[in-house]
C-alpha atoms as a PDB file:
ATOM      1  CA  MET A   1      14.219  18.022  13.640  1.00  0.00           C
ATOM      2  CA  ARG A   2      14.547  16.023  16.846  1.00  0.00           C
ATOM      3  CA  VAL A   3      11.022  16.960  17.936  1.00  0.00           C
ATOM      4  CA  VAL A   4       9.570  15.838  14.605  1.00  0.00           C
ATOM      5  CA  ARG A   5      11.356  12.482  14.888  1.00  0.00           C
ATOM      6  CA  LEU A   6      10.154  12.076  18.471  1.00  0.00           C
ATOM      7  CA  VAL A   7       6.523  12.838  17.609  1.00  0.00           C
ATOM      8  CA  ALA A   8       6.620  10.580  14.538  1.00  0.00           C
ATOM      9  CA  GLY A   9       8.203   7.795  16.579  1.00  0.00           C
ATOM     10  CA  ILE A  10       5.607   8.036  19.337  1.00  0.00           C
ATOM     11  CA  ALA A  11       2.782   8.053  16.778  1.00  0.00           C
ATOM     12  CA  LEU A  12       4.262   5.012  15.039  1.00  0.00           C
ATOM     13  CA  LEU A  13       4.649   3.258  18.389  1.00  0.00           C
ATOM     14  CA  ALA A  14       1.011   3.925  19.290  1.00  0.00           C
ATOM     15  CA  ILE A  15      -0.248   2.690  15.919  1.00  0.00           C
ATOM     16  CA  GLY A  16       1.981  -0.381  16.137  1.00  0.00           C
ATOM     17  CA  PHE A  17       0.745  -1.320  19.606  1.00  0.00           C
ATOM     18  CA  LEU A  18      -2.858  -0.895  18.460  1.00  0.00           C
ATOM     19  CA  ILE A  19      -2.266  -3.131  15.436  1.00  0.00           C
ATOM     20  CA  LEU A  20      -0.551  -5.713  17.638  1.00  0.00           C
ATOM     21  CA  ALA A  21      -3.385  -5.733  20.170  1.00  0.00           C
ATOM     22  CA  ILE A  22      -6.004  -6.317  17.486  1.00  0.00           C
ATOM     23  CA  ALA A  23      -3.877  -8.949  15.711  1.00  0.00           C
ATOM     24  CA  VAL A  24      -3.314 -10.886  18.942  1.00  0.00           C
ATOM     25  CA  VAL A  25      -7.068 -10.999  19.567  1.00  0.00           C
ATOM     26  CA  ALA A  26      -7.596 -12.148  15.973  1.00  0.00           C
ATOM     27  CA  PHE A  27      -4.947 -14.850  16.441  1.00  0.00           C
ATOM     28  CA  ILE A  28      -6.381 -16.102  19.730  1.00  0.00           C
ATOM     29  CA  ASP A  29     -10.040 -16.081  18.603  1.00  0.00           C
ATOM     30  CA  PRO A  30     -10.199 -16.258  14.787  1.00  0.00           C
ATOM     31  CA  VAL A  31     -13.817 -17.466  14.728  1.00  0.00           C
ATOM     32  CA  GLY A  32     -15.063 -14.591  16.893  1.00  0.00           C
ATOM     33  CA  THR A  33     -13.106 -12.117  14.814  1.00  0.00           C
ATOM     34  CA  LYS A  34     -14.573 -13.523  11.605  1.00  0.00           C
ATOM     35  CA  MET A  35     -18.101 -13.419  13.046  1.00  0.00           C
ATOM     36  CA  ALA A  36     -17.639  -9.694  13.630  1.00  0.00           C
ATOM     37  CA  ASP A  37     -16.984  -9.231   9.883  1.00  0.00           C
ATOM     38  CA  ASP A  38     -20.302  -7.922   8.532  1.00  0.00           C
ATOM     39  CA  GLY A  39     -19.317  -8.508   4.917  1.00  0.00           C
ATOM     40  CA  ASP A  40     -18.700 -12.261   5.212  1.00  0.00           C
ATOM     41  CA  PRO A  41     -19.420 -13.559   8.736  1.00  0.00           C
ATOM     42  CA  PHE A  42     -19.493 -17.241   7.740  1.00  0.00           C
ATOM     43  CA  GLY A  43     -16.399 -17.297   5.560  1.00  0.00           C
ATOM     44  CA  PRO A  44     -13.338 -19.313   6.490  1.00  0.00           C
ATOM     45  CA  ALA A  45     -11.520 -18.161   9.621  1.00  0.00           C
ATOM     46  CA  SER A  46      -7.791 -18.714   9.708  1.00  0.00           C
ATOM     47  CA  ARG A  47      -4.975 -17.946  12.123  1.00  0.00           C
ATOM     48  CA  VAL A  48      -2.721 -17.331   9.146  1.00  0.00           C
ATOM     49  CA  ASP A  49      -4.707 -14.164   8.405  1.00  0.00           C
ATOM     50  CA  ALA A  50      -3.546 -12.703  11.735  1.00  0.00           C
ATOM     51  CA  VAL A  51       0.168 -13.247  11.090  1.00  0.00           C
ATOM     52  CA  LEU A  52       0.605 -10.436   8.544  1.00  0.00           C
ATOM     53  CA  PRO A  53      -0.905  -7.761  10.827  1.00  0.00           C
ATOM     54  CA  MET A  54       1.293  -9.062  13.659  1.00  0.00           C
ATOM     55  CA  LEU A  55       4.371  -8.619  11.490  1.00  0.00           C
ATOM     56  CA  LEU A  56       3.194  -5.175  10.424  1.00  0.00           C
ATOM     57  CA  GLY A  57       2.574  -4.172  14.047  1.00  0.00           C
ATOM     58  CA  THR A  58       5.954  -5.499  15.149  1.00  0.00           C
ATOM     59  CA  ALA A  59       7.730  -3.602  12.378  1.00  0.00           C
ATOM     60  CA  SER A  60       5.796  -0.447  13.241  1.00  0.00           C
ATOM     61  CA  VAL A  61       6.779  -0.716  16.909  1.00  0.00           C
ATOM     62  CA  PHE A  62      10.407  -1.368  15.990  1.00  0.00           C
ATOM     63  CA  PHE A  63      10.701   1.590  13.627  1.00  0.00           C
ATOM     64  CA  GLY A  64       8.745   3.831  15.989  1.00  0.00           C
ATOM     65  CA  TRP A  65      11.154   2.943  18.792  1.00  0.00           C
ATOM     66  CA  ARG A  66      14.122   3.625  16.509  1.00  0.00           C
ATOM     67  CA  LEU A  67      12.692   7.009  15.521  1.00  0.00           C
ATOM     68  CA  ALA A  68      11.878   8.037  19.070  1.00  0.00           C
ATOM     69  CA  ARG A  69      15.222   6.913  20.530  1.00  0.00           C
ATOM     70  CA  GLY A  70      17.441   7.781  17.548  1.00  0.00           C
ATOM     71  CA  LYS A  71      20.280  10.236  17.867  1.00  0.00           C
ATOM     72  CA  SER A  72      20.050  13.358  15.784  1.00  0.00           C
ATOM     73  CA  ALA A  73      22.692  13.872  13.089  1.00  0.00           C
ATOM     74  CA  ASP A  74      22.578  17.674  13.563  1.00  0.00           C
END
């Protein structure tokens, strides 16, 4: 069970860091990020849209760290 928790934690950490990296770029350059959106490149660009993915990425990193470092109850 410890190996499963470790693998799941590392996967969650990797996904969280990827989400955070993309969200930080979207927060720093919202216009460039919006221009890369093929569906609506001239729609409104907002920094508020990058906050939710940042929170999601932070939570993913936190729970991934907890899973990877957690003590087994066995």
